[in-house]
Protein backbone atom coordinates (compact mmCIF):
# COMPACT_ATOMS: atom_id res chain seq x y z
CA MET A 1 -0.02 -0.13 -0.01
CA SER A 2 1.27 3.54 -0.52
CA ILE A 3 -2.08 5.60 -1.21
CA MET A 4 -3.82 4.54 2.02
CA HIS A 5 -6.90 6.69 1.39
CA MET A 6 -8.82 8.59 -0.99
CA ASP A 7 -12.06 10.96 -0.60
CA ASN A 8 -14.23 13.34 -2.41
CA PHE A 9 -16.74 13.51 0.56
CA SER A 10 -19.41 12.70 -2.25
CA THR A 11 -20.49 8.97 -0.84
CA TYR A 12 -21.93 9.90 2.30
CA GLY A 13 -24.65 12.29 1.15
CA THR A 14 -24.91 14.84 4.23
CA LEU A 15 -24.30 12.06 7.04
CA THR A 16 -21.07 12.38 8.56
CA ALA A 17 -21.45 9.72 11.14
CA LEU A 18 -20.93 7.25 7.87
CA MET A 19 -17.35 8.66 8.06
CA THR A 20 -16.42 6.97 11.08
CA ASN A 21 -17.60 3.61 9.71
CA ASN A 22 -14.24 1.73 9.41
CA ILE A 23 -12.66 4.96 7.81
CA TYR A 24 -11.96 7.88 9.81
CA ALA A 25 -10.60 7.48 13.69
CA GLU A 26 -12.60 10.84 14.44
CA ILE A 27 -15.08 13.24 12.97
CA ASN A 28 -16.28 16.30 14.80
CA SER A 29 -14.59 15.68 18.19
CA GLY A 30 -14.43 18.92 20.20
CA THR A 31 -16.52 21.45 21.66
CA GLY A 32 -17.67 24.70 19.41
CA LEU A 33 -17.06 22.64 16.25
CA SER A 34 -19.20 21.91 13.54
CA VAL A 35 -18.25 19.34 10.70
CA GLN A 36 -20.86 18.77 8.00
CA LEU A 37 -20.92 17.44 4.27
CA VAL A 38 -22.16 20.62 2.13
CA ALA A 39 -22.61 21.66 -1.41
CA ASP A 40 -19.38 22.82 -3.17
CA PRO A 41 -18.95 26.41 -1.94
CA ASP A 42 -17.68 27.51 -5.62
CA GLY A 43 -21.55 27.31 -6.68
CA VAL A 44 -20.60 25.19 -10.38
CA SER A 45 -19.13 22.25 -9.04
CA PRO A 46 -21.11 18.93 -8.16
CA GLY A 47 -21.09 16.75 -5.23
CA THR A 48 -20.61 17.60 -1.33
CA VAL A 49 -17.41 18.59 0.37
CA LEU A 50 -16.27 18.58 3.87
CA GLN A 51 -17.04 21.68 5.73
CA MET A 52 -15.49 22.42 9.22
CA GLN A 53 -16.54 25.45 11.50
CA GLY A 54 -15.30 26.37 14.75
CA ASN A 55 -15.25 29.26 17.13
CA ASN A 56 -12.62 29.89 19.58
CA ASP A 57 -12.23 25.99 20.74
CA ASN A 58 -8.73 25.10 21.19
CA GLY A 59 -7.84 21.47 20.58
CA SER A 60 -10.70 20.05 18.84
CA THR A 61 -10.54 17.27 15.76
CA PRO A 62 -12.50 18.07 12.85
CA TRP A 63 -10.98 14.78 11.39
CA ARG A 64 -8.48 12.10 11.98
CA TYR A 65 -7.27 9.30 9.91
CA ALA A 66 -5.10 6.65 11.55
CA ASN A 67 -2.46 4.83 8.91
CA PRO A 68 -3.60 1.38 8.65
CA ASN A 69 0.22 0.72 8.15
CA GLY A 70 0.90 1.85 11.54
CA THR A 71 3.69 4.03 12.45
CA GLN A 72 5.95 4.92 9.36
CA ASP A 73 8.69 7.19 8.64
CA VAL A 74 6.74 9.32 5.97
CA ILE A 75 3.32 10.64 5.62
CA GLY A 76 1.87 12.80 3.05
CA ALA A 77 -1.50 14.65 2.39
CA ALA A 78 -2.74 15.69 -0.96
CA PHE A 79 -6.09 17.79 -1.00
CA ARG A 80 -8.10 20.92 -2.30
CA TYR A 81 -8.54 23.76 0.22
CA TRP A 82 -10.88 26.33 0.27
CA LEU A 83 -11.24 29.54 2.71
CA PRO A 84 -14.19 32.10 2.49
CA ASN A 85 -11.83 34.28 4.11
CA LEU A 86 -8.44 34.57 5.40
CA PRO A 87 -7.78 34.48 9.06
CA THR A 88 -8.17 37.99 10.73
CA ASN A 89 -5.03 37.50 12.61
CA ASN A 90 -1.99 35.03 13.13
CA ASN A 91 -3.50 33.64 16.29
CA GLY A 92 -6.50 32.67 14.42
CA GLN A 93 -5.29 30.05 12.05
CA THR A 94 -7.00 27.07 10.85
CA ALA A 95 -4.73 24.17 11.36
CA PHE A 96 -5.79 22.42 8.35
CA ILE A 97 -3.07 19.43 8.55
CA SER A 98 -1.92 18.06 11.87
CA VAL A 99 0.85 15.09 11.73
CA ARG A 100 0.34 13.14 14.79
CA ASN A 101 2.12 9.95 16.34
CA VAL A 102 1.05 6.72 17.58
CA ASN A 103 -0.10 8.49 20.81
CA ASN A 104 -2.37 10.82 19.11
CA VAL A 105 -0.03 13.63 20.12
CA GLN A 106 0.29 16.75 17.22
CA ILE A 107 3.91 16.75 16.15
CA GLY A 108 3.34 19.35 13.39
CA GLN A 109 0.46 21.34 11.74
CA LEU A 110 0.01 23.34 8.76
CA ALA A 111 -2.04 26.35 9.00
CA VAL A 112 -2.95 29.48 7.06
CA MET A 113 -1.87 33.18 8.37
CA SER A 114 -3.87 36.15 7.89
CA THR A 115 -1.87 37.10 4.78
CA GLY A 116 -2.18 33.92 3.07
CA ALA A 117 1.31 32.63 3.88
CA LEU A 118 1.37 29.02 5.07
CA ARG A 119 3.10 28.22 8.43
CA PHE A 120 4.42 24.74 9.21
CA ARG A 121 4.86 24.40 12.98
CA ILE A 122 6.84 21.40 14.72
CA TYR A 123 6.12 21.67 18.33
CA ASP A 124 7.04 25.21 19.01
CA ASN A 125 9.24 25.72 15.86
CA ASP A 126 7.55 27.80 13.18
CA TYR A 127 8.47 27.97 9.51
CA LEU A 128 6.64 30.08 7.08
CA THR A 129 6.43 31.11 3.57
CA THR A 130 7.94 34.32 2.48
CA VAL A 131 4.96 35.50 0.56
CA PRO A 132 1.15 34.46 0.40
CA VAL A 133 0.63 31.47 -1.61
CA ILE A 134 -3.09 31.16 -1.18
CA SER A 135 -6.17 33.52 -1.32
CA ALA A 136 -10.06 33.08 -0.28
CA ASN A 137 -12.57 31.92 -2.39
CA GLY A 138 -10.46 29.68 -4.44
CA TRP A 139 -10.27 25.81 -4.36
CA TRP A 140 -6.32 25.36 -3.79
CA HIS A 141 -4.54 22.24 -4.31
CA ILE A 142 -2.15 21.69 -1.22
CA GLU A 143 0.26 18.72 -0.57
CA ILE A 144 2.51 17.82 2.46
CA ARG A 145 5.15 15.56 2.84
CA TYR A 146 6.57 14.88 6.32
CA HIS A 147 9.51 12.60 6.90
CA ASN A 148 10.90 11.57 10.21
CA THR A 149 14.56 11.03 9.00
CA ALA A 150 16.18 9.92 12.19
CA ALA A 151 15.03 9.55 16.08
CA ASP A 152 15.31 13.77 16.32
CA THR A 153 15.43 14.88 12.69
CA VAL A 154 12.90 15.65 10.31
CA SER A 155 12.53 16.98 7.06
CA PHE A 156 8.98 18.40 5.23
CA GLU A 157 8.02 19.92 2.04
CA VAL A 158 4.58 21.92 1.10
CA ARG A 159 3.48 22.37 -2.40
CA VAL A 160 0.61 24.53 -3.60
CA GLU A 161 -0.61 23.34 -7.14
CA GLY A 162 2.36 21.33 -7.57
CA GLN A 163 5.10 24.20 -6.74
CA THR A 164 7.17 24.12 -3.86
CA VAL A 165 6.56 26.91 -1.50
CA LEU A 166 8.07 25.76 1.85
CA THR A 167 10.85 23.07 2.77
CA ARG A 168 13.09 22.20 5.19
CA THR A 169 15.76 19.22 5.38
CA ALA A 170 17.20 17.62 8.36
CA LEU A 171 15.55 19.83 11.16
CA ALA A 172 16.76 18.83 14.54
CA VAL A 173 13.99 18.72 17.01
CA PRO A 174 14.43 19.01 20.62
CA VAL A 175 13.45 16.37 22.72
CA GLN A 176 9.92 17.09 24.14
CA VAL A 177 8.89 16.53 27.82
CA PRO A 178 7.67 14.19 28.19
CA PRO A 179 9.46 12.50 25.44
CA GLN A 180 7.18 11.91 22.19
CA PRO A 181 8.06 10.37 18.95
CA LEU A 182 8.57 12.09 16.06
CA GLN A 183 7.29 9.13 13.61
CA PRO A 184 3.81 9.78 12.11
CA ALA A 185 1.16 7.40 12.55
CA GLN A 186 -1.97 9.71 11.96
CA ILE A 187 -3.09 12.42 10.01
CA GLY A 188 -5.88 15.06 10.28
CA ALA A 189 -6.86 18.32 11.16
CA SER A 190 -6.97 20.42 14.43
CA ARG A 191 -8.49 23.86 15.46
CA ALA A 192 -6.76 26.30 17.66
CA ASN A 193 -7.91 29.76 18.51
CA ILE A 194 -10.05 30.20 15.57
CA SER A 195 -11.07 33.93 14.78
CA GLY A 196 -14.29 34.68 13.07
CA ASP A 197 -16.49 32.23 11.65
CA GLY A 198 -13.35 29.63 11.19
CA LEU A 199 -14.97 28.44 7.92
CA ALA A 200 -12.90 26.15 6.03
CA PHE A 201 -13.78 23.22 3.26
CA TYR A 202 -12.06 20.19 1.76
CA LYS A 203 -12.18 17.84 -1.18
CA ASP A 204 -10.20 15.45 -3.36
CA LEU A 205 -8.47 14.07 -0.30
CA ALA A 206 -5.88 11.48 -0.78
CA LEU A 207 -3.25 10.14 1.93
CA TRP A 208 -0.24 8.26 1.42
CA ASP A 209 3.22 6.63 3.07
CA ASN A 210 6.13 5.22 1.64
CA THR A 211 5.09 1.58 1.82
CA GLY A 212 5.02 -0.50 -1.29
CA THR A 213 6.51 0.61 -4.87
CA THR A 214 4.00 3.03 -6.03
CA ASN A 215 2.63 6.37 -5.03
CA THR A 216 5.24 6.88 -2.30
CA ASN A 217 5.83 10.67 -3.08
CA PHE A 218 3.96 13.61 -4.11
CA LEU A 219 0.89 12.78 -6.17
CA GLY A 220 0.48 16.03 -8.11
CA SER A 221 -2.28 18.07 -8.71
CA VAL A 222 -5.31 15.23 -8.39
CA LEU A 223 -8.89 14.52 -8.34
CA VAL A 224 -10.95 12.07 -6.38
CA ILE A 225 -13.54 10.79 -8.49
CA ASN A 226 -16.80 8.17 -7.61
CA LEU A 227 -17.54 5.67 -10.04
CA THR A 228 -20.67 3.67 -9.30
CA PRO A 229 -22.12 0.54 -10.60
CA SER A 230 -24.23 1.07 -13.81
CA ALA A 231 -25.28 -2.43 -15.04
CA ASP A 232 -25.38 -5.93 -13.68
CA VAL A 233 -23.33 -8.26 -15.64
CA ASN A 234 -23.62 -11.33 -13.11
CA LEU A 235 -26.39 -11.00 -10.55
CA ASN A 236 -25.56 -14.04 -8.63
CA TRP A 237 -26.78 -12.37 -5.49
CA THR A 238 -30.37 -11.86 -4.13
CA PRO A 239 -31.14 -8.34 -4.15
CA THR A 240 -33.52 -6.70 -1.60
CA PRO A 241 -35.89 -5.25 -3.01
CA ALA A 242 -36.23 -7.57 -5.94
CA GLY A 243 -34.93 -6.40 -9.14
CA THR A 244 -31.63 -5.09 -10.17
CA GLY A 245 -28.43 -4.90 -8.02
CA PHE A 246 -26.53 -1.84 -9.23
CA THR A 247 -29.54 0.40 -8.62
CA ILE A 248 -29.10 -0.63 -4.86
CA LEU A 249 -25.44 -0.45 -4.82
CA ASP A 250 -25.11 2.98 -6.34
CA ASN A 251 -27.61 4.69 -3.60
CA VAL A 252 -25.94 7.85 -2.12
CA PRO A 253 -26.34 7.87 0.68
CA PRO A 254 -26.71 4.00 1.12
CA ASN A 255 -29.32 2.83 2.50
CA ASP A 256 -28.83 -0.30 4.63
CA ALA A 257 -32.55 -1.55 4.20
CA GLN A 258 -31.72 -2.22 0.44
CA PHE A 259 -28.88 -4.73 -0.30
CA ILE A 260 -27.86 -7.47 -2.35
CA ALA A 261 -26.88 -10.83 -0.24
CA ALA A 262 -25.01 -14.16 -0.70
CA GLY A 263 -26.21 -17.04 1.59
CA THR A 264 -24.83 -20.41 1.86
CA PRO A 265 -23.17 -22.12 0.19
CA PRO A 266 -21.72 -18.98 -1.28
CA PRO A 267 -23.07 -18.21 -5.12
CA ALA A 268 -20.45 -17.02 -7.86
CA ALA A 269 -19.51 -13.70 -7.58
CA TYR A 270 -21.37 -10.52 -8.31
CA VAL A 271 -20.33 -8.31 -11.37
CA SER A 272 -21.31 -5.14 -12.23
CA GLU A 273 -20.34 -2.59 -15.21
CA MET A 274 -19.32 0.85 -13.84
CA THR A 275 -19.64 4.59 -14.81
CA ASN A 276 -16.96 6.25 -17.06
CA LEU A 277 -14.28 8.88 -15.94
CA PRO A 278 -14.77 12.20 -17.05
CA ILE A 279 -13.41 12.72 -20.48
CA ASN A 280 -10.62 15.09 -19.44
CA ILE A 281 -8.71 12.29 -17.28
CA THR A 282 -5.51 11.70 -18.67
CA SER A 283 -3.80 9.77 -16.20
CA ILE A 284 -4.34 7.25 -12.96
CA ARG A 285 -2.70 7.07 -9.83
CA ALA A 286 -5.05 4.48 -8.18
CA VAL A 287 -8.29 2.64 -8.30
CA MET A 288 -9.89 2.21 -4.57
CA SER A 289 -13.02 -0.28 -4.09
CA PHE A 290 -15.18 1.05 -1.38
CA VAL A 291 -17.83 -1.51 -0.60
CA ARG A 292 -20.31 -0.83 2.23
CA ALA A 293 -21.15 -4.63 3.72
CA GLY A 294 -21.83 -6.70 6.77
CA LYS A 295 -23.17 -10.33 7.82
CA SER A 296 -26.46 -11.44 8.94
CA ASP A 297 -24.97 -13.31 11.69
CA GLY A 298 -22.25 -14.12 14.01
CA GLY A 299 -21.02 -17.06 11.81
CA ASP A 300 -18.36 -17.19 8.98
CA GLY A 301 -18.54 -14.43 6.33
CA ASN A 302 -15.33 -13.21 4.34
CA LEU A 303 -15.94 -10.88 1.53
CA GLN A 304 -13.03 -10.36 -1.14
CA VAL A 305 -13.54 -7.59 -3.85
CA GLY A 306 -11.76 -7.34 -7.12
CA LEU A 307 -11.54 -5.48 -10.52
CA ILE A 308 -11.74 -7.53 -13.87
CA SER A 309 -9.73 -5.66 -16.66
CA ALA A 310 -9.79 -7.30 -19.83
CA ALA A 311 -9.10 -10.92 -19.07
CA SER A 312 -7.31 -10.44 -15.79
CA THR A 313 -8.53 -9.75 -12.25
CA VAL A 314 -7.07 -8.46 -9.51
CA LEU A 315 -8.11 -9.15 -5.98
CA GLY A 316 -8.21 -7.16 -2.89
CA ALA A 317 -8.00 -8.63 0.79
CA ASN A 318 -9.79 -12.01 1.69
CA ARG A 319 -11.18 -10.27 4.82
CA PRO A 320 -13.73 -11.27 7.50
CA ILE A 321 -16.65 -8.67 7.97
CA THR A 322 -18.84 -7.43 11.01
CA THR A 323 -22.46 -7.98 11.79
CA SER A 324 -22.80 -4.13 11.26
CA PRO A 325 -22.83 -2.43 7.76
CA THR A 326 -19.70 -0.61 7.29
CA TYR A 327 -17.37 0.27 4.46
CA TRP A 328 -14.54 -2.18 3.18
CA ARG A 329 -11.57 -0.71 1.10
CA ASP A 330 -8.86 -2.10 -1.38
CA PHE A 331 -6.25 0.14 -3.39
CA PHE A 332 -5.41 -0.98 -6.94
CA PRO A 333 -2.20 0.99 -8.37
CA THR A 334 -1.92 -0.83 -11.53
CA ASP A 335 -4.00 -2.47 -14.04
CA PRO A 336 -3.92 -6.36 -13.90
CA ALA A 337 -4.04 -6.63 -17.66
CA THR A 338 -0.79 -4.87 -18.34
CA ALA A 339 0.84 -4.50 -14.93
CA ALA A 340 1.35 -0.96 -15.51
CA ALA A 341 -0.40 2.17 -14.33
CA TRP A 342 -4.35 2.28 -15.32
CA LEU A 343 -5.18 3.88 -18.40
CA PRO A 344 -8.31 5.99 -18.50
CA ALA A 345 -9.90 3.48 -21.42
CA ALA A 346 -9.11 0.63 -19.18
CA VAL A 347 -10.81 2.12 -16.24
CA ASN A 348 -14.00 2.83 -18.32
CA ALA A 349 -14.02 -0.70 -19.33
CA ALA A 350 -13.16 -2.35 -15.75
CA ARG A 351 -15.77 -4.15 -14.09
CA LEU A 352 -16.24 -4.76 -10.14
CA GLN A 353 -16.39 -8.07 -8.48
CA ILE A 354 -17.68 -8.76 -5.18
CA ASN A 355 -17.34 -12.63 -4.10
CA ARG A 356 -18.62 -14.13 -1.04
CA ILE A 357 -15.52 -16.33 0.45
CA SER A 358 -17.16 -18.03 3.44
């Protein structure tokens, strides 16, 4: 794994509670804080985005994601960020990225200053861009890479729209009391001394680390696009209500009273066509399957999701699932038919496979 999560926040409808269904570690944790899924503030783009709004609440957590690979040397985040107004003063920053260790202690935070400059703080040490790099009322693509290069040494780089705006290498960090590891294990956002309405928005979130062999460094100015089932190819499972399967699986938000079911012995895999990418997409970093599933009793129930490309199939994890409906994800950075990066035409032709193993 290298990319460990992708989200454009258009899968959940307006139900933020779904985001902690086996995805985020926290959503909307803290007093004086409101996290919602709302229409895109630019007024022209489709889908919902993540809105956070706080009012002078110190230390609350709008969102936090724990790395499923555990503690690593490197963690990275790419996303688009919108502020309707810049902070009114430099004590009123929105700390929109918070790098945290395994103890959930904040190591570093990336914040916007009153001019539109960016500041990265590692404990009490501040590093700022020399000039403003973002403005109000625009979707700015921001990407950060944090690297714990030694026990007490870190490096970081911040890019805006693909251009490096802030970087430091081999910074010696004073030992904290009590001592805290500098290795990242989690990433999220935090709120500290928010001035004004503290309103901000996210979309096109992609999180990565340096495990695996692909997507272990800056991703570039990427979009996160939802593809949904568009036609049944093999409807070997039983739909409730009766009819087609794909019209159940494409529900936004999900309706847990509508589902396709596989009894025992398990039937052959369900297979569907998927909707196409926008025509302006030219390259693909990875494909992530995003399936909501649960089992009806306490017996065995393993689920395996795959993608079919031409005559080749790539399979995700063969995993036991729970009795509560929740989300399960797998990541496919390469096309199984070519062992190379996915091409848009191959993604458009790919099929989704959902198989009950036990």
